[in-house]
Amino acid sequence: MKKTIISTMLAIAAISAAAQTVEDGLSYSQNDYFGTARSIAMGNAFTALGGDAGSVGINPAGSAVNNYSQFTITPGVNMSFTSTAFNAAGNVDLSGTTTGSVNASRFVMPNFSSIVTFETGNRSRVKRFSFGISGNATGYLNESEYAGGINGQSSMMSSIAAVANSSGITSSELNNAYFSDLYVDLWPAKIGYNTALINPTEDGKSFYPTAAGGLYDFEQVYTRESRGSKYDWVINFGLDYEDFLYFGANLGLVTYERKLSQYFDEAPTSAVPVVLDGKSDSFLSGWLGSHLNISGSGIYGKFGVIYVPSPQFRLGAAIQTPTAMYIRESLWYEGGADFNSATYAEAVDNYDEYYARYKVVSPMRVNLGLAYNFGAGVISVDYEAANYGSMRFKSDNNNTSSWSDLNSEITSYLGVENQLRVGAEYKINPAFAVRAGYNLRTSPYKGSNTATNIISGGLGYSSNGSFFCDFACRFAMLPTRYYYPYSSYDSVESPETSFKTNLLSLVATLGWRF
């Protein structure tokens, strides 16, 4: 067995695979809330509080809490710190496991909001209503990771040859076919054949690796670089009834972008003698890379309410409809081999060689919140739940039959993800405030005890005029992820790579009230 259910799912994400997975659906659907510096610092525990531009995506009723309009912009920087490990024999426990670390950073803009409030002049029980447009980040991808070590158990070349052999394709068919004519899992085999990573037997009906895996020690390196973001853009309407009951509604638009590049390099620790084009030569190294671009957009509705039974207590609730996401993927591969006397390299550089278009319907989402105001400050607690077992992949025509296997996996492996968010704010004086927050997000995989833990804190300044600014620091500790760079073959395990990432975010919000 692989280490966890999650690692079993991620095993599908090898360089040589392109099929959609359970993990893909989670990437499109899960929310990792950012927002303004104030909402980030307080752990985004704003379902019952409202009043902040970052809270509008969590509870639409929050826009009606304030009696003023506001404009906010929030720039920042995200930094990732990753510890890596490479286990040459997959799930076999070897004392020779190699470890390392990788760091990366990127500029981000987790919030941009404009909310306009209109007073009714007390001519009715409706005190005010508000309109707003808000963009809040609900996920960032910032991965630059590599892991490597010495492997005498298996090789990428042997894996490619095994895939070609299991397909039954001949060397003539592989040589003459266009990439677009082949099932995408055979693309690495065609690249391997064209670059002499694998070679046909004399009858041309089966393939063998240029350097036989398991007979030589290979220095292997697996590299992943992933960049992307997920944003929720909402058109918001809020209403204040008698200053104790607030209603809100959002029309939500989701945008998703991701670029994933993977490379796997292997080189024998000493040159391997081979016969190339009928001549004696030496194999030095080989590599395979894949580049996946994903873009998506979606739409949903969200409705919320905040109830203030007394000056000290506030209750909040919100419900979000399932989100219909439209996804487009494009993929290309490249690879090459170095010999003592020659270098062979090839790239499939036409992004339309392989593309997929489909829909993903993510689950309904429920938020509940309680806040206590003790005069100089406030404490807020949120609970959020979403059942990812109800997530579904569909074709463009809404047909689910072609996705039945994947949808069955989703039902079998996924369940409810729970989020607990806690936030606190204390005003030192009318101008300055200190804040802290905590966020616990459980794994949506059934039977998994892994979780994401996020701690945060920050400061706030409010001038006597319209200007205010906030600062926040957010530190997220993610569960370990496992990847298997190529397919296992002939009962030989792919090497296991693991990445343990911590994410540090520093943001500042500049805002104006009017």
Protein backbone atom coordinates (compact mmCIF):
# COMPACT_ATOMS: atom_id res chain seq x y z
CA MET A 1 0.00 0.00 0.00
CA LYS A 2 1.11 3.57 -0.65
CA LYS A 3 1.62 5.76 2.41
CA THR A 4 -1.90 7.26 2.39
CA ILE A 5 -5.00 7.48 0.26
CA ILE A 6 -3.74 10.87 -0.88
CA SER A 7 -0.51 9.38 -2.15
CA THR A 8 -2.48 6.81 -4.12
CA MET A 9 -4.37 9.60 -5.86
CA LEU A 10 -1.22 11.61 -6.51
CA ALA A 11 0.47 8.59 -8.04
CA ILE A 12 -1.68 9.31 -11.08
CA ALA A 13 0.04 12.69 -11.42
CA ALA A 14 3.24 11.22 -12.85
CA ILE A 15 4.99 12.90 -15.77
CA SER A 16 3.70 10.30 -18.20
CA ALA A 17 0.03 10.70 -17.25
CA ALA A 18 -2.46 13.35 -18.35
CA ALA A 19 -5.85 12.01 -17.31
CA GLN A 20 -8.00 14.08 -14.98
CA THR A 21 -7.89 13.04 -11.33
CA VAL A 22 -9.64 13.45 -8.00
CA GLU A 23 -6.84 15.80 -6.99
CA ASP A 24 -7.59 18.01 -10.02
CA GLY A 25 -11.21 18.39 -8.94
CA LEU A 26 -10.12 19.41 -5.44
CA SER A 27 -7.75 22.00 -6.87
CA TYR A 28 -10.64 23.60 -8.78
CA SER A 29 -13.07 23.43 -5.85
CA GLN A 30 -11.34 23.95 -2.51
CA ASN A 31 -11.14 27.39 -0.92
CA ASP A 32 -8.01 28.64 0.80
CA TYR A 33 -9.24 32.08 1.86
CA PHE A 34 -7.03 35.14 1.71
CA GLY A 35 -8.76 38.57 1.43
CA THR A 36 -7.76 41.82 3.12
CA ALA A 37 -4.97 42.07 5.67
CA ARG A 38 -7.54 42.41 8.46
CA SER A 39 -9.52 39.31 7.46
CA ILE A 40 -6.29 37.32 6.93
CA ALA A 41 -4.90 38.38 10.33
CA MET A 42 -8.11 37.24 12.04
CA GLY A 43 -8.13 33.85 10.34
CA ASN A 44 -11.03 34.89 8.06
CA ALA A 45 -13.44 34.22 10.93
CA PHE A 46 -15.91 36.79 9.60
CA THR A 47 -19.20 34.94 9.03
CA ALA A 48 -20.81 36.74 12.00
CA LEU A 49 -18.69 39.93 11.96
CA GLY A 50 -18.92 41.38 8.48
CA GLY A 51 -17.89 44.97 7.86
CA ASP A 52 -14.61 44.12 6.14
CA ALA A 53 -14.20 43.94 2.35
CA GLY A 54 -12.47 40.58 2.74
CA SER A 55 -15.54 39.14 4.45
CA VAL A 56 -17.95 39.69 1.55
CA GLY A 57 -17.01 36.40 -0.12
CA ILE A 58 -17.50 34.51 3.15
CA ASN A 59 -20.86 36.07 4.11
CA PRO A 60 -22.51 38.44 1.61
CA ALA A 61 -24.43 40.15 4.44
CA GLY A 62 -21.15 41.62 5.72
CA SER A 63 -21.22 44.49 3.23
CA ALA A 64 -24.29 46.06 4.89
CA VAL A 65 -22.81 46.23 8.41
CA ASN A 66 -20.89 49.49 7.95
CA ASN A 67 -22.54 52.89 7.49
CA TYR A 68 -19.84 54.03 5.05
CA SER A 69 -18.52 53.10 1.61
CA GLN A 70 -15.00 51.79 1.17
CA PHE A 71 -12.32 50.98 -1.38
CA THR A 72 -9.46 48.55 -0.63
CA ILE A 73 -6.45 47.13 -2.38
CA THR A 74 -4.16 44.47 -0.90
CA PRO A 75 -0.73 43.69 -2.37
CA GLY A 76 1.58 41.13 -0.84
CA VAL A 77 4.15 38.40 -1.27
CA ASN A 78 3.87 34.62 -0.86
CA MET A 79 6.90 32.51 0.04
CA SER A 80 7.08 28.72 0.09
CA PHE A 81 9.58 26.63 2.05
CA THR A 82 9.66 22.98 1.02
CA SER A 83 11.48 20.00 2.49
CA THR A 84 11.92 17.16 0.00
CA ALA A 85 12.72 13.46 0.15
CA PHE A 86 13.51 10.88 -2.54
CA ASN A 87 12.97 7.18 -1.84
CA ALA A 88 14.43 5.15 -4.71
CA ALA A 89 12.28 2.06 -4.19
CA GLY A 90 8.85 3.62 -3.76
CA ASN A 91 7.16 2.18 -0.69
CA VAL A 92 10.20 0.11 0.28
CA ASP A 93 11.83 1.64 3.35
CA LEU A 94 15.44 2.37 2.41
CA SER A 95 17.99 3.88 4.72
CA GLY A 96 19.43 5.71 1.70
CA THR A 97 16.51 8.13 1.36
CA THR A 98 17.80 11.50 0.10
CA THR A 99 16.45 14.78 1.51
CA GLY A 100 16.74 18.45 0.58
CA SER A 101 14.93 21.82 0.62
CA VAL A 102 13.60 24.32 -1.94
CA ASN A 103 12.29 27.89 -1.50
CA ALA A 104 10.23 30.10 -3.84
CA SER A 105 8.42 33.47 -3.72
CA ARG A 106 5.91 35.44 -5.80
CA PHE A 107 4.04 38.76 -5.75
CA VAL A 108 0.28 38.47 -5.10
CA MET A 109 -2.81 40.66 -4.95
CA PRO A 110 -5.24 38.79 -2.67
CA ASN A 111 -7.93 41.50 -2.52
CA PHE A 112 -9.44 44.31 -4.55
CA SER A 113 -12.82 45.68 -3.45
CA SER A 114 -15.17 48.60 -3.87
CA ILE A 115 -18.34 48.76 -1.77
CA VAL A 116 -20.82 51.65 -1.93
CA THR A 117 -23.40 52.15 0.83
CA PHE A 118 -26.62 54.16 0.52
CA GLU A 119 -28.58 55.45 3.50
CA THR A 120 -32.38 55.37 3.23
CA GLY A 121 -32.86 58.35 5.52
CA ASN A 122 -34.85 56.33 8.08
CA ARG A 123 -37.96 56.50 5.93
CA SER A 124 -38.38 52.76 6.39
CA ARG A 125 -37.12 49.99 8.60
CA VAL A 126 -34.42 49.35 6.01
CA LYS A 127 -31.62 51.61 7.24
CA ARG A 128 -29.22 51.18 4.33
CA PHE A 129 -28.31 48.99 1.41
CA SER A 130 -25.01 48.40 -0.32
CA PHE A 131 -23.60 47.37 -3.68
CA GLY A 132 -20.11 46.09 -4.19
CA ILE A 133 -17.61 44.36 -6.41
CA SER A 134 -14.95 42.36 -4.66
CA GLY A 135 -12.15 40.07 -5.78
CA ASN A 136 -10.61 37.81 -3.14
CA ALA A 137 -8.02 35.09 -3.65
CA THR A 138 -9.20 31.62 -2.65
CA GLY A 139 -6.01 29.77 -3.55
CA TYR A 140 -2.43 30.23 -4.71
CA LEU A 141 -0.02 27.74 -6.24
CA ASN A 142 3.63 28.52 -5.66
CA GLU A 143 5.65 25.33 -6.03
CA SER A 144 9.30 25.03 -7.02
CA GLU A 145 10.33 21.59 -5.89
CA TYR A 146 12.86 18.93 -6.72
CA ALA A 147 13.96 15.67 -5.18
CA GLY A 148 16.57 13.19 -6.29
CA GLY A 149 18.93 10.40 -5.39
CA ILE A 150 20.59 7.18 -6.56
CA ASN A 151 18.25 4.44 -7.80
CA GLY A 152 19.37 0.94 -8.71
CA GLN A 153 15.84 -0.49 -8.59
CA SER A 154 14.07 1.00 -11.63
CA SER A 155 14.39 3.51 -14.45
CA MET A 156 12.21 5.93 -16.40
CA MET A 157 13.32 4.30 -19.64
CA SER A 158 12.13 0.88 -18.47
CA SER A 159 8.78 2.38 -17.48
CA ILE A 160 8.33 4.00 -20.91
CA ALA A 161 9.21 0.71 -22.62
CA ALA A 162 6.73 -1.18 -20.41
CA VAL A 163 3.90 1.25 -21.32
CA ALA A 164 4.69 0.83 -25.03
CA ASN A 165 4.77 -2.96 -24.72
CA SER A 166 1.50 -3.13 -22.81
CA SER A 167 -0.21 -1.08 -25.55
CA GLY A 168 0.77 -3.56 -28.26
CA ILE A 169 1.98 -0.81 -30.59
CA THR A 170 4.76 -1.67 -33.05
CA SER A 171 7.84 0.41 -33.76
CA SER A 172 6.52 1.16 -37.27
CA GLU A 173 3.21 2.44 -35.90
CA LEU A 174 4.98 4.47 -33.21
CA ASN A 175 7.37 5.97 -35.74
CA ASN A 176 4.76 6.92 -38.33
CA ALA A 177 1.94 8.13 -36.05
CA TYR A 178 1.40 11.80 -35.33
CA PHE A 179 1.24 12.69 -31.66
CA SER A 180 -2.40 13.67 -32.13
CA ASP A 181 -3.12 10.12 -33.40
CA LEU A 182 -1.83 8.49 -30.23
CA TYR A 183 -3.42 8.13 -26.84
CA VAL A 184 -1.65 10.74 -24.73
CA ASP A 185 -0.06 8.14 -22.40
CA LEU A 186 1.92 6.93 -25.43
CA TRP A 187 3.45 10.35 -26.11
CA PRO A 188 6.45 9.64 -23.83
CA ALA A 189 6.95 6.35 -25.71
CA LYS A 190 7.03 8.15 -29.06
CA ILE A 191 9.45 10.74 -27.69
CA GLY A 192 11.51 7.95 -26.13
CA TYR A 193 11.60 6.07 -29.42
CA ASN A 194 12.52 9.16 -31.47
CA THR A 195 15.33 10.10 -29.06
CA ALA A 196 16.65 6.57 -28.53
CA LEU A 197 15.65 6.40 -24.86
CA ILE A 198 13.96 3.13 -25.85
CA ASN A 199 14.64 0.88 -28.83
CA PRO A 200 12.61 -1.84 -30.58
CA THR A 201 13.49 -5.50 -30.59
CA GLU A 202 14.42 -7.04 -33.94
CA ASP A 203 10.79 -7.86 -34.80
CA GLY A 204 9.75 -4.27 -33.92
CA LYS A 205 6.82 -5.47 -31.80
CA SER A 206 8.27 -4.77 -28.37
CA PHE A 207 10.68 -2.29 -26.80
CA TYR A 208 13.55 -2.30 -24.38
CA PRO A 209 15.25 0.58 -22.50
CA THR A 210 18.47 1.96 -23.90
CA ALA A 211 20.11 1.31 -20.52
CA ALA A 212 18.45 -1.60 -18.75
CA GLY A 213 16.77 -0.50 -15.52
CA GLY A 214 17.73 -2.41 -12.41
CA LEU A 215 21.13 -3.33 -13.81
CA TYR A 216 22.74 0.07 -13.29
CA ASP A 217 22.68 2.75 -10.63
CA PHE A 218 20.99 5.89 -11.93
CA GLU A 219 21.21 9.37 -10.49
CA GLN A 220 17.60 10.56 -10.78
CA VAL A 221 16.11 14.03 -10.24
CA TYR A 222 12.39 14.89 -10.27
CA THR A 223 11.46 18.58 -10.61
CA ARG A 224 8.03 20.25 -10.28
CA GLU A 225 7.22 23.89 -10.89
CA SER A 226 3.63 24.98 -10.46
CA ARG A 227 2.23 28.50 -10.58
CA GLY A 228 -1.37 29.58 -10.49
CA SER A 229 -4.22 31.15 -8.60
CA LYS A 230 -7.92 30.88 -7.89
CA TYR A 231 -10.03 34.02 -7.39
CA ASP A 232 -13.64 34.58 -6.40
CA TRP A 233 -15.05 37.74 -7.99
CA VAL A 234 -18.40 38.67 -6.49
CA ILE A 235 -21.10 41.16 -7.36
CA ASN A 236 -22.64 41.87 -3.99
CA PHE A 237 -25.89 43.29 -2.64
CA GLY A 238 -26.46 43.91 1.09
CA LEU A 239 -29.33 45.24 3.19
CA ASP A 240 -29.51 46.52 6.79
CA TYR A 241 -32.83 45.99 8.56
CA GLU A 242 -33.18 48.02 11.79
CA ASP A 243 -29.44 47.63 12.60
CA PHE A 244 -29.94 44.13 13.99
CA LEU A 245 -30.59 42.01 10.89
CA TYR A 246 -28.42 42.09 7.79
CA PHE A 247 -29.04 40.26 4.52
CA GLY A 248 -26.76 39.77 1.54
CA ALA A 249 -26.46 37.99 -1.80
CA ASN A 250 -23.53 37.37 -4.16
CA LEU A 251 -23.28 36.45 -7.78
CA GLY A 252 -19.90 34.73 -7.71
CA LEU A 253 -17.53 34.28 -10.64
CA VAL A 254 -14.52 31.98 -10.21
CA THR A 255 -11.34 32.19 -12.28
CA TYR A 256 -8.67 29.50 -12.15
CA GLU A 257 -5.21 29.44 -13.77
CA ARG A 258 -2.43 26.90 -13.38
CA LYS A 259 0.82 26.11 -15.17
CA LEU A 260 2.59 22.90 -14.18
CA SER A 261 5.97 21.84 -15.55
CA GLN A 262 7.55 18.52 -14.56
CA TYR A 263 10.94 17.09 -15.48
CA PHE A 264 12.53 13.77 -14.74
CA ASP A 265 16.26 13.29 -15.43
CA GLU A 266 18.28 10.15 -15.01
CA ALA A 267 21.94 9.44 -15.68
CA PRO A 268 23.95 6.31 -14.91
CA THR A 269 26.64 6.85 -12.32
CA SER A 270 29.07 5.69 -15.00
CA ALA A 271 28.64 5.65 -18.77
CA VAL A 272 26.71 2.62 -20.08
CA PRO A 273 27.97 0.96 -23.29
CA VAL A 274 25.24 0.78 -25.98
CA VAL A 275 24.94 0.19 -29.71
CA LEU A 276 23.56 3.27 -31.46
CA ASP A 277 22.85 3.21 -35.21
CA GLY A 278 24.91 0.07 -35.50
CA LYS A 279 27.92 1.60 -33.77
CA SER A 280 29.31 1.22 -30.28
CA ASP A 281 28.57 4.22 -28.09
CA SER A 282 27.97 5.22 -24.47
CA PHE A 283 24.71 6.36 -22.88
CA LEU A 284 25.23 9.40 -20.64
CA SER A 285 21.77 10.67 -19.61
CA GLY A 286 18.10 10.94 -20.55
CA TRP A 287 15.19 13.16 -19.59
CA LEU A 288 11.45 13.64 -20.07
CA GLY A 289 9.35 16.74 -19.38
CA SER A 290 5.68 17.67 -19.50
CA HIS A 291 3.95 21.05 -19.49
CA LEU A 292 0.31 21.36 -18.49
CA ASN A 293 -1.69 24.58 -18.75
CA ILE A 294 -5.13 24.75 -17.15
CA SER A 295 -7.62 27.61 -17.23
CA GLY A 296 -11.14 27.63 -15.87
CA SER A 297 -14.09 29.81 -14.98
CA GLY A 298 -17.21 29.17 -12.96
CA ILE A 299 -20.36 30.68 -11.51
CA TYR A 300 -22.32 30.29 -8.29
CA GLY A 301 -24.73 32.09 -5.96
CA LYS A 302 -24.29 32.79 -2.26
CA PHE A 303 -26.75 34.08 0.35
CA GLY A 304 -26.08 35.17 3.91
CA VAL A 305 -27.53 36.70 7.05
CA ILE A 306 -26.11 38.33 10.22
CA TYR A 307 -28.28 38.65 13.34
CA VAL A 308 -27.38 40.93 16.28
CA PRO A 309 -29.50 39.93 19.30
CA SER A 310 -27.51 42.20 21.65
CA PRO A 311 -24.55 44.59 21.45
CA GLN A 312 -22.27 41.81 22.68
CA PHE A 313 -23.28 38.91 20.43
CA ARG A 314 -23.58 38.39 16.69
CA LEU A 315 -24.68 35.31 14.76
CA GLY A 316 -24.03 34.67 11.08
CA ALA A 317 -24.83 32.06 8.45
CA ALA A 318 -24.30 31.71 4.70
CA ILE A 319 -24.94 29.09 2.06
CA GLN A 320 -23.27 28.82 -1.34
CA THR A 321 -24.75 26.92 -4.28
CA PRO A 322 -22.68 24.33 -6.18
CA THR A 323 -20.21 25.97 -8.56
CA ALA A 324 -20.28 25.05 -12.24
CA MET A 325 -16.68 25.23 -13.51
CA TYR A 326 -15.67 25.11 -17.19
CA ILE A 327 -12.12 23.78 -17.58
CA ARG A 328 -9.71 23.73 -20.52
CA GLU A 329 -6.39 21.89 -20.44
CA SER A 330 -3.49 21.88 -22.90
CA LEU A 331 -0.47 19.63 -22.66
CA TRP A 332 2.84 18.99 -24.39
CA TYR A 333 5.85 16.81 -23.74
CA GLU A 334 9.55 17.03 -24.48
CA GLY A 335 12.48 14.74 -23.95
CA GLY A 336 15.98 13.83 -24.96
CA ALA A 337 19.02 11.62 -24.53
CA ASP A 338 22.76 12.28 -24.50
CA PHE A 339 25.29 9.82 -25.83
CA ASN A 340 29.03 10.07 -26.07
CA SER A 341 28.85 10.80 -29.81
CA ALA A 342 25.41 12.38 -30.26
CA THR A 343 22.53 14.18 -28.60
CA TYR A 344 18.90 13.51 -29.46
CA ALA A 345 16.17 15.87 -28.32
CA GLU A 346 12.55 16.42 -29.29
CA ALA A 347 9.74 18.69 -28.19
CA VAL A 348 6.05 18.57 -28.97
CA ASP A 349 5.51 22.31 -29.02
CA ASN A 350 1.98 22.58 -30.39
CA TYR A 351 -0.36 23.26 -27.48
CA ASP A 352 -3.31 22.05 -29.52
CA GLU A 353 -1.79 18.59 -29.93
CA TYR A 354 -3.67 17.59 -26.81
CA TYR A 355 -6.43 19.50 -25.09
CA ALA A 356 -9.37 18.60 -22.91
CA ARG A 357 -12.53 20.52 -22.19
CA TYR A 358 -14.94 19.50 -19.49
CA LYS A 359 -17.04 20.70 -16.57
CA VAL A 360 -16.62 20.24 -12.83
CA VAL A 361 -19.51 20.84 -10.44
CA SER A 362 -18.09 21.55 -6.99
CA PRO A 363 -20.14 21.03 -3.81
CA MET A 364 -22.47 23.30 -1.90
CA ARG A 365 -20.78 25.19 0.96
CA VAL A 366 -22.24 26.15 4.38
CA ASN A 367 -20.87 28.76 6.83
CA LEU A 368 -21.87 29.37 10.45
CA GLY A 369 -20.41 32.02 12.76
CA LEU A 370 -20.55 33.44 16.29
CA ALA A 371 -18.87 36.63 17.50
CA TYR A 372 -18.56 38.22 20.94
CA ASN A 373 -17.83 41.93 21.37
CA PHE A 374 -16.28 42.79 24.75
CA GLY A 375 -15.93 46.54 24.23
CA ALA A 376 -12.24 46.98 23.44
CA GLY A 377 -12.20 44.03 21.08
CA VAL A 378 -13.95 41.07 19.54
CA ILE A 379 -13.58 37.29 19.34
CA SER A 380 -15.08 35.41 16.40
CA VAL A 381 -15.49 31.71 15.57
CA ASP A 382 -16.48 30.23 12.18
CA TYR A 383 -17.36 26.75 10.99
CA GLU A 384 -17.49 25.84 7.30
CA ALA A 385 -18.29 22.52 5.64
CA ALA A 386 -18.34 21.16 2.08
CA ASN A 387 -18.97 17.57 0.98
CA TYR A 388 -16.49 16.89 -1.83
CA GLY A 389 -17.92 13.42 -2.32
CA SER A 390 -20.71 15.14 -4.27
CA MET A 391 -18.27 16.77 -6.72
CA ARG A 392 -18.81 15.66 -10.33
CA PHE A 393 -16.97 15.79 -13.64
CA LYS A 394 -19.08 16.22 -16.78
CA SER A 395 -18.60 16.55 -20.52
CA ASP A 396 -19.43 19.79 -22.31
CA ASN A 397 -22.92 18.45 -23.01
CA ASN A 398 -23.44 17.67 -19.28
CA ASN A 399 -23.00 13.93 -19.89
CA THR A 400 -21.52 12.15 -16.86
CA SER A 401 -21.36 8.62 -18.32
CA SER A 402 -17.88 9.10 -19.80
CA TRP A 403 -16.68 10.21 -16.36
CA SER A 404 -18.34 7.41 -14.41
CA ASP A 405 -15.07 5.82 -13.23
CA LEU A 406 -13.64 9.10 -11.97
CA ASN A 407 -16.93 10.14 -10.36
CA SER A 408 -17.10 6.74 -8.63
CA GLU A 409 -13.60 7.34 -7.26
CA ILE A 410 -14.72 10.73 -5.97
CA THR A 411 -17.65 9.15 -4.13
CA SER A 412 -15.44 6.39 -2.74
CA TYR A 413 -12.49 8.50 -1.61
CA LEU A 414 -13.89 11.92 -0.69
CA GLY A 415 -16.16 13.16 2.06
CA VAL A 416 -16.75 16.29 4.12
CA GLU A 417 -14.01 18.87 4.57
CA ASN A 418 -14.40 20.86 7.80
CA GLN A 419 -12.92 24.27 8.49
CA LEU A 420 -12.67 25.86 11.92
CA ARG A 421 -11.61 29.50 11.93
CA VAL A 422 -10.95 31.60 15.04
CA GLY A 423 -10.09 35.29 15.09
CA ALA A 424 -9.53 38.03 17.66
CA GLU A 425 -9.01 41.78 17.56
CA TYR A 426 -8.06 44.15 20.38
CA LYS A 427 -8.01 47.92 20.02
CA ILE A 428 -5.13 49.48 21.89
CA ASN A 429 -6.71 52.88 21.22
CA PRO A 430 -9.12 54.23 18.57
CA ALA A 431 -6.33 54.34 16.00
CA PHE A 432 -4.43 51.07 16.51
CA ALA A 433 -5.49 47.42 16.76
CA VAL A 434 -3.71 44.08 17.12
CA ARG A 435 -5.13 40.86 15.62
CA ALA A 436 -4.59 37.11 15.64
CA GLY A 437 -6.20 34.12 13.99
CA TYR A 438 -6.14 30.35 13.52
CA ASN A 439 -7.53 28.12 10.79
CA LEU A 440 -7.83 24.34 10.85
CA ARG A 441 -8.84 22.61 7.61
CA THR A 442 -9.33 18.84 7.70
CA SER A 443 -8.60 16.58 4.75
CA PRO A 444 -11.58 15.75 2.51
CA TYR A 445 -10.20 12.21 1.99
CA LYS A 446 -12.11 9.57 3.91
CA GLY A 447 -10.02 7.92 6.58
CA SER A 448 -7.25 10.51 6.42
CA ASN A 449 -6.14 12.24 9.61
CA THR A 450 -4.04 14.90 7.84
CA ALA A 451 -4.94 18.59 8.13
CA THR A 452 -3.80 22.05 7.12
CA ASN A 453 -3.00 24.40 9.99
CA ILE A 454 -2.78 28.17 9.49
CA ILE A 455 -1.77 30.76 12.07
CA SER A 456 -1.95 34.49 11.43
CA GLY A 457 -1.57 37.88 13.03
CA GLY A 458 -1.44 41.55 12.19
CA LEU A 459 -1.80 45.22 13.01
CA GLY A 460 -4.31 47.85 11.97
CA TYR A 461 -4.27 51.63 11.75
CA SER A 462 -7.28 53.89 11.25
CA SER A 463 -6.78 57.62 10.74
CA ASN A 464 -9.18 60.38 11.77
CA GLY A 465 -9.92 60.87 8.08
CA SER A 466 -10.85 58.38 5.39
CA PHE A 467 -7.56 56.48 5.17
CA PHE A 468 -6.84 53.19 6.93
CA CYS A 469 -4.21 50.49 6.51
CA ASP A 470 -3.65 46.99 7.83
CA PHE A 471 -0.77 44.51 7.86
CA ALA A 472 -0.90 40.74 8.21
CA CYS A 473 1.37 37.73 8.38
CA ARG A 474 -0.01 34.27 7.55
CA PHE A 475 1.84 30.96 8.02
CA ALA A 476 0.28 27.80 6.54
CA MET A 477 1.56 24.29 7.32
CA LEU A 478 0.46 21.89 4.56
CA PRO A 479 0.30 18.09 4.75
CA THR A 480 3.07 16.10 3.07
CA ARG A 481 2.39 15.33 -0.59
CA TYR A 482 3.67 12.19 -2.35
CA TYR A 483 4.37 11.87 -6.08
CA TYR A 484 5.52 8.92 -8.19
CA PRO A 485 7.33 10.32 -11.26
CA TYR A 486 6.72 7.39 -13.60
CA SER A 487 4.53 4.31 -13.73
CA SER A 488 5.54 1.21 -11.81
CA TYR A 489 6.18 -1.81 -14.02
CA ASP A 490 6.83 -5.57 -13.72
CA SER A 491 6.18 -5.37 -9.96
CA VAL A 492 8.93 -2.74 -9.67
CA GLU A 493 7.95 0.42 -7.79
CA SER A 494 8.46 3.93 -9.12
CA PRO A 495 10.61 6.05 -6.81
CA GLU A 496 8.64 7.95 -4.21
CA THR A 497 9.16 11.71 -3.88
CA SER A 498 7.65 13.64 -0.99
CA PHE A 499 7.26 17.37 -0.42
CA LYS A 500 6.42 19.06 2.91
CA THR A 501 5.63 22.72 2.30
CA ASN A 502 5.09 25.69 4.60
CA LEU A 503 3.72 28.91 3.11
CA LEU A 504 4.44 32.39 4.47
CA SER A 505 2.34 35.34 3.26
CA LEU A 506 2.96 39.01 4.05
CA VAL A 507 0.25 41.44 2.93
CA ALA A 508 -0.79 45.06 3.43
CA THR A 509 -4.19 46.61 2.78
CA LEU A 510 -4.61 50.24 1.82
CA GLY A 511 -8.16 51.49 2.21
CA TRP A 512 -10.29 54.62 2.02
CA ARG A 513 -13.71 55.24 3.54
CA PHE A 514 -16.10 57.69 1.95
